[in-house]
Protein backbone atom coordinates (compact mmCIF):
# COMPACT_ATOMS: atom_id res chain seq x y z
CA UNK A 1 21.56 -48.11 69.72
CA UNK A 2 24.38 -45.76 68.80
CA UNK A 3 23.88 -42.07 68.15
CA UNK A 4 25.46 -40.11 65.31
CA UNK A 5 27.46 -37.16 66.66
CA UNK A 6 29.14 -34.57 64.46
CA UNK A 7 32.25 -32.58 65.28
CA UNK A 8 31.94 -28.92 64.41
CA UNK A 9 33.90 -29.08 61.14
CA UNK A 10 31.96 -32.15 60.00
CA UNK A 11 28.64 -30.43 60.74
CA UNK A 12 29.72 -27.39 58.72
CA UNK A 13 30.77 -29.57 55.80
CA UNK A 14 27.46 -31.43 55.95
CA UNK A 15 25.54 -28.15 55.92
CA UNK A 16 27.46 -27.00 52.81
CA UNK A 17 26.76 -30.16 50.80
CA UNK A 18 24.07 -30.29 48.12
CA UNK A 19 20.73 -31.01 49.82
CA UNK A 20 20.14 -34.41 48.22
CA UNK A 21 23.59 -35.68 49.12
CA UNK A 22 23.35 -34.19 52.62
CA UNK A 23 20.11 -36.01 53.42
CA UNK A 24 21.29 -39.29 51.90
CA UNK A 25 24.62 -39.25 53.77
CA UNK A 26 22.92 -38.40 57.07
CA UNK A 27 20.38 -41.19 56.47
CA UNK A 28 23.18 -43.69 55.73
CA UNK A 29 25.07 -42.70 58.88
CA UNK A 30 21.94 -43.13 61.01
CA UNK A 31 21.22 -46.49 59.37
CA UNK A 32 24.78 -47.65 60.09
CA UNK A 33 24.52 -46.49 63.70
CA UNK A 34 21.28 -48.44 64.15
CA UNK A 35 22.13 -51.64 62.27
CA UNK A 36 25.89 -51.80 61.67
CA UNK A 37 25.20 -52.23 57.94
CA UNK A 38 26.45 -50.01 55.15
CA UNK A 39 29.34 -49.26 52.82
CA UNK A 40 31.82 -48.85 55.68
CA UNK A 41 35.50 -49.72 55.74
CA UNK A 42 38.19 -49.29 58.37
CA UNK A 43 40.99 -46.99 57.22
CA UNK A 44 44.43 -48.58 57.33
CA UNK A 45 46.78 -47.32 60.03
CA UNK A 46 44.18 -45.28 61.91
CA UNK A 47 41.24 -45.76 64.23
CA UNK A 48 38.96 -44.14 61.65
CA UNK A 49 36.28 -45.64 59.44
CA UNK A 50 34.72 -44.26 56.29
CA UNK A 51 31.20 -44.36 54.92
CA UNK A 52 30.74 -43.73 51.21
CA UNK A 53 27.89 -41.98 49.43
CA UNK A 54 28.66 -41.39 45.76
CA UNK A 55 31.66 -39.05 45.63
CA UNK A 56 31.27 -38.04 49.30
CA UNK A 57 32.97 -39.63 52.29
CA UNK A 58 32.17 -39.42 55.98
CA UNK A 59 35.19 -40.23 58.16
CA UNK A 60 34.25 -41.29 61.68
CA UNK A 61 35.39 -42.96 64.88
CA UNK A 62 33.44 -45.64 66.71
CA UNK A 63 33.21 -44.98 70.41
CA UNK A 64 29.96 -45.88 72.08
CA UNK A 65 28.52 -43.72 69.32
CA UNK A 66 29.42 -42.84 65.73
CA UNK A 67 31.49 -39.65 65.94
CA UNK A 68 31.84 -38.03 62.51
CA UNK A 69 35.11 -36.10 62.34
CA UNK A 70 35.22 -35.19 58.64
CA UNK A 71 32.94 -35.02 55.62
CA UNK A 72 34.56 -34.30 52.28
CA UNK A 73 34.53 -35.03 48.57
CA UNK A 74 36.52 -38.17 47.80
CA UNK A 75 39.42 -36.22 46.25
CA UNK A 76 39.93 -34.42 49.59
CA UNK A 77 38.75 -36.98 52.12
CA UNK A 78 41.90 -39.03 52.63
CA UNK A 79 44.51 -36.25 52.88
CA UNK A 80 46.29 -36.38 56.20
């Protein structure tokens, strides 16, 4: 079973989200780590994946675990 690990900037962004969205996104990430199921797509041209919750996106890398590198609103999530 994979763990969900947050980089510092992702953890800060998660803490600043509205509470309902924060809990739902965290729950979806943990569900994906446990089952491999969810609204997840690989991002083209990178090693990153994204998980969607409403207007929020969690950008992560799959190592042995799910390493969340960025959490942002969809209008800001894909900027390089």
